[in-house]
Amino acid sequence: MAPLNNVPGAVVSLMDRTNVETVIVAGKVRKWNGKLLDVDLASLRSQLDASRDRIFAAAKIPQDIFH
């Protein structure tokens, strides 16, 4: 990131997740060397799918709009 004359603006406008190497939350390292730690991605995906299904069902929106 150069030239860097506005640090907050550069972070907001020019960076994305690939620029984040380490994340510490409440003293616990959650991302190290660019990799998430202690995250079961399969379980998270399953939870997200279930949440989406509940929202679609509550809104009476068909999930497969092509059928």
C-alpha atoms as a PDB file:
ATOM      1  CA  MET A   1       0.000   0.000   0.000  1.00  0.00           C
ATOM      2  CA  ALA A   2       1.900   3.012  -1.191  1.00  0.00           C
ATOM      3  CA  PRO A   3       1.809   5.894  -0.963  1.00  0.00           C
ATOM      4  CA  LEU A   4       0.123   5.768   2.398  1.00  0.00           C
ATOM      5  CA  ASN A   5      -1.018   9.216   3.468  1.00  0.00           C
ATOM      6  CA  ASN A   6      -4.424   8.243   4.899  1.00  0.00           C
ATOM      7  CA  VAL A   7      -4.193   5.009   6.891  1.00  0.00           C
ATOM      8  CA  PRO A   8      -7.911   4.642   7.786  1.00  0.00           C
ATOM      9  CA  GLY A   9      -8.900   5.411   4.200  1.00  0.00           C
ATOM     10  CA  ALA A  10      -6.426   2.861   2.853  1.00  0.00           C
ATOM     11  CA  VAL A  11      -7.721   0.169   5.201  1.00  0.00           C
ATOM     12  CA  VAL A  12     -11.354   0.837   4.297  1.00  0.00           C
ATOM     13  CA  SER A  13     -10.905   1.448   0.584  1.00  0.00           C
ATOM     14  CA  LEU A  14      -7.926  -0.574  -0.572  1.00  0.00           C
ATOM     15  CA  MET A  15      -7.668  -3.669   1.610  1.00  0.00           C
ATOM     16  CA  ASP A  16      -9.595  -6.912   1.845  1.00  0.00           C
ATOM     17  CA  ARG A  17      -9.424 -10.112   3.918  1.00  0.00           C
ATOM     18  CA  THR A  18      -6.224 -11.207   2.206  1.00  0.00           C
ATOM     19  CA  ASN A  19      -4.431  -8.273   3.855  1.00  0.00           C
ATOM     20  CA  VAL A  20      -5.275  -9.590   7.337  1.00  0.00           C
ATOM     21  CA  GLU A  21      -2.639 -11.975   8.643  1.00  0.00           C
ATOM     22  CA  THR A  22      -3.481 -12.085  12.363  1.00  0.00           C
ATOM     23  CA  VAL A  23      -6.685 -11.446  14.321  1.00  0.00           C
ATOM     24  CA  ILE A  24      -6.867 -11.415  18.124  1.00  0.00           C
ATOM     25  CA  VAL A  25     -10.258 -11.247  19.829  1.00  0.00           C
ATOM     26  CA  ALA A  26     -10.486 -10.846  23.607  1.00  0.00           C
ATOM     27  CA  GLY A  27      -6.879 -11.980  23.921  1.00  0.00           C
ATOM     28  CA  LYS A  28      -7.386 -15.145  21.864  1.00  0.00           C
ATOM     29  CA  VAL A  29      -5.724 -15.583  18.465  1.00  0.00           C
ATOM     30  CA  ARG A  30      -8.494 -16.322  15.936  1.00  0.00           C
ATOM     31  CA  LYS A  31      -6.445 -16.022  12.729  1.00  0.00           C
ATOM     32  CA  TRP A  32      -2.726 -16.659  12.428  1.00  0.00           C
ATOM     33  CA  ASN A  33      -0.505 -16.499   9.373  1.00  0.00           C
ATOM     34  CA  GLY A  34      -3.588 -15.919   7.215  1.00  0.00           C
ATOM     35  CA  LYS A  35      -5.430 -19.033   8.409  1.00  0.00           C
ATOM     36  CA  LEU A  36      -8.518 -19.226  10.622  1.00  0.00           C
ATOM     37  CA  LEU A  37      -7.974 -21.162  13.843  1.00  0.00           C
ATOM     38  CA  ASP A  38     -10.481 -23.269  15.766  1.00  0.00           C
ATOM     39  CA  VAL A  39     -13.179 -22.925  13.084  1.00  0.00           C
ATOM     40  CA  ASP A  40     -15.090 -25.964  11.870  1.00  0.00           C
ATOM     41  CA  LEU A  41     -15.972 -24.675   8.401  1.00  0.00           C
ATOM     42  CA  ALA A  42     -18.208 -27.668   7.588  1.00  0.00           C
ATOM     43  CA  SER A  43     -20.252 -27.075  10.733  1.00  0.00           C
ATOM     44  CA  LEU A  44     -20.413 -23.336  10.095  1.00  0.00           C
ATOM     45  CA  ARG A  45     -21.611 -23.931   6.520  1.00  0.00           C
ATOM     46  CA  SER A  46     -24.281 -26.318   7.797  1.00  0.00           C
ATOM     47  CA  GLN A  47     -25.483 -23.728  10.321  1.00  0.00           C
ATOM     48  CA  LEU A  48     -25.584 -21.036   7.621  1.00  0.00           C
ATOM     49  CA  ASP A  49     -27.583 -23.299   5.289  1.00  0.00           C
ATOM     50  CA  ALA A  50     -30.064 -24.089   8.072  1.00  0.00           C
ATOM     51  CA  SER A  51     -30.443 -20.386   8.871  1.00  0.00           C
ATOM     52  CA  ARG A  52     -31.065 -19.587   5.200  1.00  0.00           C
ATOM     53  CA  ASP A  53     -33.663 -22.375   5.003  1.00  0.00           C
ATOM     54  CA  ARG A  54     -35.532 -21.042   8.062  1.00  0.00           C
ATOM     55  CA  ILE A  55     -35.579 -17.497   6.661  1.00  0.00           C
ATOM     56  CA  PHE A  56     -36.804 -18.636   3.234  1.00  0.00           C
ATOM     57  CA  ALA A  57     -39.484 -20.837   4.828  1.00  0.00           C
ATOM     58  CA  ALA A  58     -40.694 -18.018   7.106  1.00  0.00           C
ATOM     59  CA  ALA A  59     -40.885 -15.645   4.118  1.00  0.00           C
ATOM     60  CA  LYS A  60     -42.545 -18.353   1.987  1.00  0.00           C
ATOM     61  CA  ILE A  61     -39.883 -17.957  -0.690  1.00  0.00           C
ATOM     62  CA  PRO A  62     -39.088 -21.031  -2.760  1.00  0.00           C
ATOM     63  CA  GLN A  63     -35.411 -21.887  -2.480  1.00  0.00           C
ATOM     64  CA  ASP A  64     -35.114 -23.104  -6.046  1.00  0.00           C
ATOM     65  CA  ILE A  65     -36.570 -20.250  -8.051  1.00  0.00           C
ATOM     66  CA  PHE A  66     -36.006 -22.141 -11.310  1.00  0.00           C
ATOM     67  CA  HIS A  67     -38.539 -24.893 -10.527  1.00  0.00           C
END
